[in-house]
Amino acid sequence: MEKKLDTKKMYEKPLKLKIDENSFELSLRILGNEFVAIKIGSTNFSGKLIAGGILLLFFTLILLEGFGLNEILLR
């Protein structure tokens, strides 16, 4: 009653979103080295502005949560 571990399935990325024109890619690895891997790249200027805005929003929310946004909102 031994179950074999399917290594092909284990190393597949469970979530992958890729658009080739501006090369936006979002991947989530559960059993890999990283839990969330985000690769954002662009070939045109407007795409770079969008990518920069997404990264700025992400890091702003991380900083706000780290410095107690939850306590401010619950008062």
C-alpha atoms as a PDB file:
ATOM      1  CA  MET A   1       0.000   0.000   0.000  1.00  0.00           C
ATOM      2  CA  GLU A   2       2.880   2.336  -0.679  1.00  0.00           C
ATOM      3  CA  LYS A   3       1.991   5.410  -2.686  1.00  0.00           C
ATOM      4  CA  LYS A   4       4.575   6.664  -5.148  1.00  0.00           C
ATOM      5  CA  LEU A   5       5.359  10.338  -5.155  1.00  0.00           C
ATOM      6  CA  ASP A   6       4.716  11.877  -8.557  1.00  0.00           C
ATOM      7  CA  THR A   7       7.782  14.077  -9.031  1.00  0.00           C
ATOM      8  CA  LYS A   8       6.576  15.555 -12.322  1.00  0.00           C
ATOM      9  CA  LYS A   9       3.446  16.861 -10.652  1.00  0.00           C
ATOM     10  CA  MET A  10       5.398  18.046  -7.624  1.00  0.00           C
ATOM     11  CA  TYR A  11       7.699  20.310  -9.655  1.00  0.00           C
ATOM     12  CA  GLU A  12       4.966  21.786 -11.870  1.00  0.00           C
ATOM     13  CA  LYS A  13       3.986  25.343 -11.146  1.00  0.00           C
ATOM     14  CA  PRO A  14       0.374  25.321  -9.904  1.00  0.00           C
ATOM     15  CA  LEU A  15      -0.329  28.876 -11.041  1.00  0.00           C
ATOM     16  CA  LYS A  16       1.246  30.638 -13.989  1.00  0.00           C
ATOM     17  CA  LEU A  17       0.057  33.682 -15.861  1.00  0.00           C
ATOM     18  CA  LYS A  18       2.059  34.874 -18.827  1.00  0.00           C
ATOM     19  CA  ILE A  19       1.369  37.429 -21.531  1.00  0.00           C
ATOM     20  CA  ASP A  20       4.119  37.449 -24.158  1.00  0.00           C
ATOM     21  CA  GLU A  21       3.794  40.981 -25.558  1.00  0.00           C
ATOM     22  CA  ASN A  22       4.820  42.843 -22.406  1.00  0.00           C
ATOM     23  CA  SER A  23       6.147  39.744 -20.623  1.00  0.00           C
ATOM     24  CA  PHE A  24       4.140  40.006 -17.423  1.00  0.00           C
ATOM     25  CA  GLU A  25       4.475  36.790 -15.438  1.00  0.00           C
ATOM     26  CA  LEU A  26       3.090  35.763 -12.043  1.00  0.00           C
ATOM     27  CA  SER A  27       3.927  32.345 -10.641  1.00  0.00           C
ATOM     28  CA  LEU A  28       3.200  30.702  -7.301  1.00  0.00           C
ATOM     29  CA  ARG A  29       5.343  27.759  -6.218  1.00  0.00           C
ATOM     30  CA  ILE A  30       4.118  25.669  -3.316  1.00  0.00           C
ATOM     31  CA  LEU A  31       6.851  23.031  -3.074  1.00  0.00           C
ATOM     32  CA  GLY A  32       9.618  24.990  -4.798  1.00  0.00           C
ATOM     33  CA  ASN A  33      12.193  27.352  -3.403  1.00  0.00           C
ATOM     34  CA  GLU A  34       9.914  30.377  -3.326  1.00  0.00           C
ATOM     35  CA  PHE A  35       6.318  30.672  -2.178  1.00  0.00           C
ATOM     36  CA  VAL A  36       5.494  33.601  -4.429  1.00  0.00           C
ATOM     37  CA  ALA A  37       7.645  34.559  -7.411  1.00  0.00           C
ATOM     38  CA  ILE A  38       6.743  37.654  -9.382  1.00  0.00           C
ATOM     39  CA  LYS A  39       8.556  38.588 -12.580  1.00  0.00           C
ATOM     40  CA  ILE A  40       7.394  41.807 -14.155  1.00  0.00           C
ATOM     41  CA  GLY A  41       9.061  43.132 -17.277  1.00  0.00           C
ATOM     42  CA  SER A  42       8.003  45.303 -20.132  1.00  0.00           C
ATOM     43  CA  THR A  43       9.214  46.455 -23.516  1.00  0.00           C
ATOM     44  CA  ASN A  44       7.347  49.772 -23.774  1.00  0.00           C
ATOM     45  CA  PHE A  45       7.276  52.767 -21.426  1.00  0.00           C
ATOM     46  CA  SER A  46       3.605  52.521 -20.415  1.00  0.00           C
ATOM     47  CA  GLY A  47       4.110  48.893 -19.458  1.00  0.00           C
ATOM     48  CA  LYS A  48       7.070  49.900 -17.318  1.00  0.00           C
ATOM     49  CA  LEU A  49       4.914  52.493 -15.560  1.00  0.00           C
ATOM     50  CA  ILE A  50       2.264  49.862 -14.864  1.00  0.00           C
ATOM     51  CA  ALA A  51       4.877  47.427 -13.541  1.00  0.00           C
ATOM     52  CA  GLY A  52       6.424  50.122 -11.346  1.00  0.00           C
ATOM     53  CA  GLY A  53       2.999  51.058  -9.994  1.00  0.00           C
ATOM     54  CA  ILE A  54       2.206  47.451  -9.111  1.00  0.00           C
ATOM     55  CA  LEU A  55       5.527  47.023  -7.308  1.00  0.00           C
ATOM     56  CA  LEU A  56       5.138  50.361  -5.495  1.00  0.00           C
ATOM     57  CA  LEU A  57       1.640  49.417  -4.343  1.00  0.00           C
ATOM     58  CA  PHE A  58       2.830  46.006  -3.133  1.00  0.00           C
ATOM     59  CA  PHE A  59       5.763  47.352  -1.131  1.00  0.00           C
ATOM     60  CA  THR A  60       3.680  50.222   0.273  1.00  0.00           C
ATOM     61  CA  LEU A  61       1.108  47.770   1.607  1.00  0.00           C
ATOM     62  CA  ILE A  62       3.861  45.595   3.093  1.00  0.00           C
ATOM     63  CA  LEU A  63       5.400  48.612   4.869  1.00  0.00           C
ATOM     64  CA  LEU A  64       2.025  49.826   6.142  1.00  0.00           C
ATOM     65  CA  GLU A  65       1.215  46.395   7.520  1.00  0.00           C
ATOM     66  CA  GLY A  66       4.632  46.151   9.132  1.00  0.00           C
ATOM     67  CA  PHE A  67       4.249  49.486  10.917  1.00  0.00           C
ATOM     68  CA  GLY A  68       0.785  48.841  12.316  1.00  0.00           C
ATOM     69  CA  LEU A  69      -1.887  49.678   9.747  1.00  0.00           C
ATOM     70  CA  ASN A  70      -4.102  47.036  11.339  1.00  0.00           C
ATOM     71  CA  GLU A  71      -4.056  48.804  14.721  1.00  0.00           C
ATOM     72  CA  ILE A  72      -4.856  52.171  13.144  1.00  0.00           C
ATOM     73  CA  LEU A  73      -7.832  50.742  11.257  1.00  0.00           C
ATOM     74  CA  LEU A  74      -9.260  48.886  14.277  1.00  0.00           C
ATOM     75  CA  ARG A  75      -9.447  51.975  16.551  1.00  0.00           C
END
